[in-house]
Each structure stands twice: as C-alpha cells, then as structure tokens.
Amino acid sequence: MVDIRNSYVIAATSAVSLLGQPAVTAGWDKPSALTEFSVAGLAGHLAHQIVRVRDVLDSDGAGHEPIDLLEHYSRSPWVEAGLDHEINVGIRRGGEAAAADGPAALVERTRALLDTQIAALPAEPADRVVHVKASGWALTLDDFLLTRLVELVVHADDLAASVGVETPALPPEVIRPVVELLARLAVHRHGATAVIRALSRAERAPATISAF
C-alpha cells in the first residue's frame, strides 16, 4: 500500500529541486509550454501546491463530512473551464503573484514551507479531515495530498518541458497513485470503453481521454 504522505514529500522535494535549476531562472520571463502561462507563472503555480497543503493543515475539518475524489473533481468548476474563464485567469494571476519576487525567493520560501510539512505530516491522524476553503467542502488529508501529488507531477513535467530539461524521474510510489487517479477520472469522464481503446486500440481510440 502506498503511503500518500511520503509520496507527496518525495514529489514536493523533487519539485523544489526543479524550481532551483538554472534553466528555470534563465527562462523566467519567457512563455511556458502551457498556454497563457509564463515560466515564472508556472513556477509559482507549481510552488503553490505546497502552499495549498499548508492551508489545509491549518484548517479545522471538525464537523465536516469528507467527500470522495470523484465527487471532488466533478464539483470543481475549473475541470472543464476554458482558458479565458475567470477561474483559470485567476490561477494564472496567482502563479505570477507567487513568483513576483523572483526565482531565488520562491525557492527559499517553498523549501522552508516544505521542511515544516515534512516534520508535521507524520504526526497527523490517519483519519484527519481537512476543510478545503477554496472549494467549500472537505476531504480526508490523504485524499487532498493525492490531488496535490497529481498537480506536482503534471506541472513539474510542464515546467521541465518549458525550459528544455528532462522531466524529473520519480519512483513508483509517486507515479502509481497519480496514474491510477488519472485513469479513474478518465473513465468517469469518458467511459471505460474509450479509455480501454485509447490504451490498446489506437485505430479506434477517441481524440482525447483527458482526465481534466
């Protein structure tokens, strides 16, 4: 069984290391591989995933009933929002704001925050419920960390592609839960047949089985 807390720490540590690479600093003001994101904004968005964990650890989940992850993503309006939707515009602005004081400051701040989390996470109860203020509902802590794990893995690949470096290699205990969740979301969104065809029958595969 995968320890999601440990997987999160591994992925977050890798992401902070990527943020500190010279290629990221050199490309800071250039467009990224993601439409409408600069490298700086994408770096800020990647780092913000660790900020999100701080926020839920500081939340009080008492009295809130956690929902499951399929419902979480079904309720989340950003999943199917277009690039110009206010949600995605706000996400890009948030990334730029997080990166406004430059790459060195972003790395230093994010590394310090992660160090605090590395010390705190093992002491959190196994059944800890957190209130996700940005969404308005609650998840278990481990489910929330799995959502951040997906974001860290996906956006680390985006950032690496943006600055021409290799995507960070991550161990199976990080990749496996990400792939499993993305597959579940793709089946939920497109149906099992579409996903099976995409993975096994290219000639009958749908144009996309994107989970988001």
Protein backbone atom coordinates (compact mmCIF):
# COMPACT_ATOMS: atom_id res chain seq x y z
CA MET A 1 0.00 0.00 0.00
CA VAL A 2 1.33 3.41 -0.99
CA ASP A 3 1.96 5.95 1.78
CA ILE A 4 0.49 9.06 0.15
CA ARG A 5 2.11 11.37 2.69
CA ASN A 6 5.55 10.03 1.87
CA SER A 7 4.76 10.14 -1.87
CA TYR A 8 3.75 13.79 -1.54
CA VAL A 9 7.00 14.63 0.26
CA ILE A 10 9.05 12.92 -2.48
CA ALA A 11 7.21 14.74 -5.27
CA ALA A 12 7.30 18.10 -3.49
CA THR A 13 11.02 17.76 -2.77
CA SER A 14 11.63 16.99 -6.43
CA ALA A 15 9.54 19.99 -7.48
CA VAL A 16 11.51 22.35 -5.26
CA SER A 17 14.72 20.99 -6.75
CA LEU A 18 13.37 21.63 -10.25
CA LEU A 19 12.39 25.18 -9.30
CA GLY A 20 16.02 25.82 -8.35
CA GLN A 21 17.50 24.67 -11.63
CA PRO A 22 19.44 27.33 -13.57
CA ALA A 23 17.33 26.67 -16.68
CA VAL A 24 14.23 27.83 -14.80
CA THR A 25 15.94 31.05 -13.75
CA ALA A 26 17.21 31.62 -17.28
CA GLY A 27 13.75 31.17 -18.78
CA TRP A 28 11.88 33.03 -16.05
CA ASP A 29 10.35 35.73 -18.25
CA LYS A 30 9.70 33.51 -21.29
CA PRO A 31 6.43 31.82 -22.28
CA SER A 32 5.95 28.34 -20.86
CA ALA A 33 4.67 25.18 -22.50
CA LEU A 34 1.22 25.99 -21.07
CA THR A 35 -0.87 28.49 -23.00
CA GLU A 36 -1.03 31.91 -21.31
CA PHE A 37 1.47 30.91 -18.59
CA SER A 38 4.95 32.40 -18.38
CA VAL A 39 7.72 30.21 -16.95
CA ALA A 40 7.59 32.39 -13.82
CA GLY A 41 3.82 31.97 -13.50
CA LEU A 42 4.06 28.22 -13.99
CA ALA A 43 6.84 28.00 -11.42
CA GLY A 44 4.69 29.99 -8.99
CA HIS A 45 1.73 27.69 -9.64
CA LEU A 46 3.89 24.61 -9.06
CA ALA A 47 5.16 26.04 -5.77
CA HIS A 48 1.62 26.99 -4.78
CA GLN A 49 0.68 23.32 -4.46
CA ILE A 50 2.83 23.22 -1.33
CA VAL A 51 1.15 26.39 -0.06
CA ARG A 52 -2.22 24.66 -0.53
CA VAL A 53 -1.09 21.87 1.77
CA ARG A 54 -0.11 24.40 4.43
CA ASP A 55 -3.55 25.98 4.15
CA VAL A 56 -5.47 22.73 4.69
CA LEU A 57 -3.19 21.67 7.54
CA ASP A 58 -4.12 24.96 9.21
CA SER A 59 -7.83 24.35 8.60
CA ASP A 60 -10.34 22.90 11.03
CA GLY A 61 -12.10 19.94 9.45
CA ALA A 62 -14.12 19.11 12.57
CA GLY A 63 -17.80 18.69 11.78
CA HIS A 64 -17.22 18.40 8.03
CA GLU A 65 -18.04 15.16 6.21
CA PRO A 66 -15.37 14.45 3.58
CA ILE A 67 -16.42 13.70 0.03
CA ASP A 68 -14.63 11.25 -2.25
CA LEU A 69 -12.25 12.29 -5.01
CA LEU A 70 -14.56 11.60 -7.95
CA GLU A 71 -17.13 13.91 -6.40
CA HIS A 72 -14.41 16.46 -5.63
CA TYR A 73 -13.38 16.67 -9.28
CA SER A 74 -16.99 16.55 -10.51
CA ARG A 75 -17.82 19.55 -8.34
CA SER A 76 -14.71 21.53 -9.26
CA PRO A 77 -15.65 24.10 -11.95
CA TRP A 78 -12.05 24.53 -13.20
CA VAL A 79 -12.01 20.99 -14.61
CA GLU A 80 -13.98 21.96 -17.71
CA ALA A 81 -13.45 25.72 -17.67
CA GLY A 82 -11.89 27.36 -20.73
CA LEU A 83 -8.62 29.28 -20.73
CA ASP A 84 -10.44 32.61 -20.51
CA HIS A 85 -12.73 31.57 -17.69
CA GLU A 86 -12.28 33.70 -14.57
CA ILE A 87 -11.13 30.65 -12.62
CA ASN A 88 -8.23 29.94 -14.96
CA VAL A 89 -7.39 33.62 -15.29
CA GLY A 90 -7.23 33.75 -11.50
CA ILE A 91 -4.98 30.68 -11.38
CA ARG A 92 -2.54 32.30 -13.81
CA ARG A 93 -2.56 35.57 -11.89
CA GLY A 94 -1.94 33.65 -8.68
CA GLY A 95 1.08 31.93 -10.22
CA GLU A 96 2.53 35.24 -11.37
CA ALA A 97 1.94 36.80 -7.95
CA ALA A 98 3.66 33.89 -6.20
CA ALA A 99 6.69 34.34 -8.44
CA ALA A 100 6.80 38.13 -8.31
CA ASP A 101 9.85 38.33 -6.05
CA GLY A 102 11.97 36.15 -8.34
CA PRO A 103 13.17 32.56 -8.55
CA ALA A 104 15.58 32.56 -5.61
CA ALA A 105 12.98 33.91 -3.18
CA LEU A 106 10.36 31.46 -4.47
CA VAL A 107 12.67 28.50 -3.95
CA GLU A 108 13.76 29.63 -0.49
CA ARG A 109 10.21 30.24 0.68
CA THR A 110 8.88 26.98 -0.75
CA ARG A 111 11.72 24.89 0.63
CA ALA A 112 11.20 26.30 4.12
CA LEU A 113 7.47 25.58 3.91
CA LEU A 114 8.10 22.01 2.76
CA ASP A 115 10.58 21.44 5.60
CA THR A 116 7.83 22.38 8.05
CA GLN A 117 5.42 19.96 6.40
CA ILE A 118 7.94 17.11 6.40
CA ALA A 119 8.13 17.48 10.17
CA ALA A 120 4.37 17.88 10.66
CA LEU A 121 2.77 15.29 8.37
CA PRO A 122 3.80 12.12 10.24
CA ALA A 123 2.02 13.38 13.36
CA GLU A 124 -1.29 13.99 11.60
CA PRO A 125 -4.01 11.43 12.48
CA ALA A 126 -4.67 8.76 9.84
CA ASP A 127 -8.31 9.87 9.61
CA ARG A 128 -7.62 13.62 9.56
CA VAL A 129 -10.28 15.58 7.70
CA VAL A 130 -9.37 18.95 6.20
CA HIS A 131 -11.61 21.75 5.01
CA VAL A 132 -10.64 22.94 1.54
CA LYS A 133 -11.60 26.59 1.78
CA ALA A 134 -11.05 27.28 -1.92
CA SER A 135 -13.61 24.61 -2.78
CA GLY A 136 -16.01 24.88 0.12
CA TRP A 137 -16.00 21.21 1.09
CA ALA A 138 -13.90 18.71 2.99
CA LEU A 139 -11.60 15.83 2.04
CA THR A 140 -9.51 13.45 4.03
CA LEU A 141 -5.96 14.75 4.34
CA ASP A 142 -4.60 11.84 2.32
CA ASP A 143 -7.08 12.44 -0.50
CA PHE A 144 -6.14 16.12 -0.58
CA LEU A 145 -2.45 15.19 -0.71
CA LEU A 146 -3.21 12.89 -3.64
CA THR A 147 -4.74 15.83 -5.52
CA ARG A 148 -1.56 17.83 -4.86
CA LEU A 149 0.53 14.85 -5.95
CA VAL A 150 -1.19 14.92 -9.34
CA GLU A 151 -0.62 18.67 -9.64
CA LEU A 152 3.05 18.38 -8.68
CA VAL A 153 3.76 15.58 -11.15
CA VAL A 154 1.84 17.15 -14.05
CA HIS A 155 3.18 20.67 -13.58
CA ALA A 156 6.75 19.54 -12.97
CA ASP A 157 6.57 17.94 -16.41
CA ASP A 158 5.13 21.18 -17.81
CA LEU A 159 7.91 23.25 -16.26
CA ALA A 160 10.66 20.90 -17.38
CA ALA A 161 9.31 20.94 -20.93
CA SER A 162 9.12 24.73 -20.80
CA VAL A 163 12.82 25.19 -20.03
CA GLY A 164 14.28 22.27 -22.00
CA VAL A 165 15.33 19.95 -19.18
CA GLU A 166 14.44 16.34 -18.50
CA THR A 167 11.25 15.72 -16.59
CA PRO A 168 12.25 14.71 -13.05
CA ALA A 169 12.37 10.95 -12.59
CA LEU A 170 10.04 9.88 -9.79
CA PRO A 171 9.70 6.48 -8.10
CA PRO A 172 6.75 4.10 -8.49
CA GLU A 173 5.24 5.15 -5.17
CA VAL A 174 4.73 8.61 -6.67
CA ILE A 175 3.78 7.70 -10.23
CA ARG A 176 1.44 4.78 -9.49
CA PRO A 177 -1.20 6.67 -7.46
CA VAL A 178 -1.11 9.55 -9.96
CA VAL A 179 -1.70 7.25 -12.93
CA GLU A 180 -4.40 5.36 -11.06
CA LEU A 181 -6.28 8.53 -10.16
CA LEU A 182 -6.00 9.96 -13.67
CA ALA A 183 -7.29 6.66 -15.09
CA ARG A 184 -10.24 6.69 -12.69
CA LEU A 185 -11.07 10.27 -13.65
CA ALA A 186 -10.77 9.49 -17.37
CA VAL A 187 -13.12 6.51 -17.03
CA HIS A 188 -15.56 8.63 -15.03
CA ARG A 189 -15.49 11.36 -17.67
CA HIS A 190 -15.30 9.36 -20.90
CA GLY A 191 -16.38 5.82 -20.02
CA ALA A 192 -14.42 2.61 -19.73
CA THR A 193 -14.59 1.70 -23.43
CA ALA A 194 -12.97 4.95 -24.54
CA VAL A 195 -10.11 4.52 -22.06
CA ILE A 196 -9.56 0.87 -22.99
CA ARG A 197 -9.45 1.77 -26.68
CA ALA A 198 -7.05 4.65 -26.07
CA LEU A 199 -4.67 2.29 -24.27
CA SER A 200 -4.99 -0.72 -26.55
CA ARG A 201 -6.56 0.13 -29.92
CA ALA A 202 -5.16 3.31 -31.45
CA GLU A 203 -7.25 2.85 -34.61
CA ARG A 204 -10.48 3.15 -32.56
CA ALA A 205 -9.25 5.49 -29.88
CA PRO A 206 -11.14 8.71 -29.15
CA ALA A 207 -9.46 12.01 -29.89
CA THR A 208 -8.88 12.53 -26.19
CA ILE A 209 -9.36 10.79 -22.87
CA SER A 210 -8.02 13.65 -20.81
CA ALA A 211 -8.95 13.34 -17.16
CA PHE A 212 -9.45 17.12 -16.96
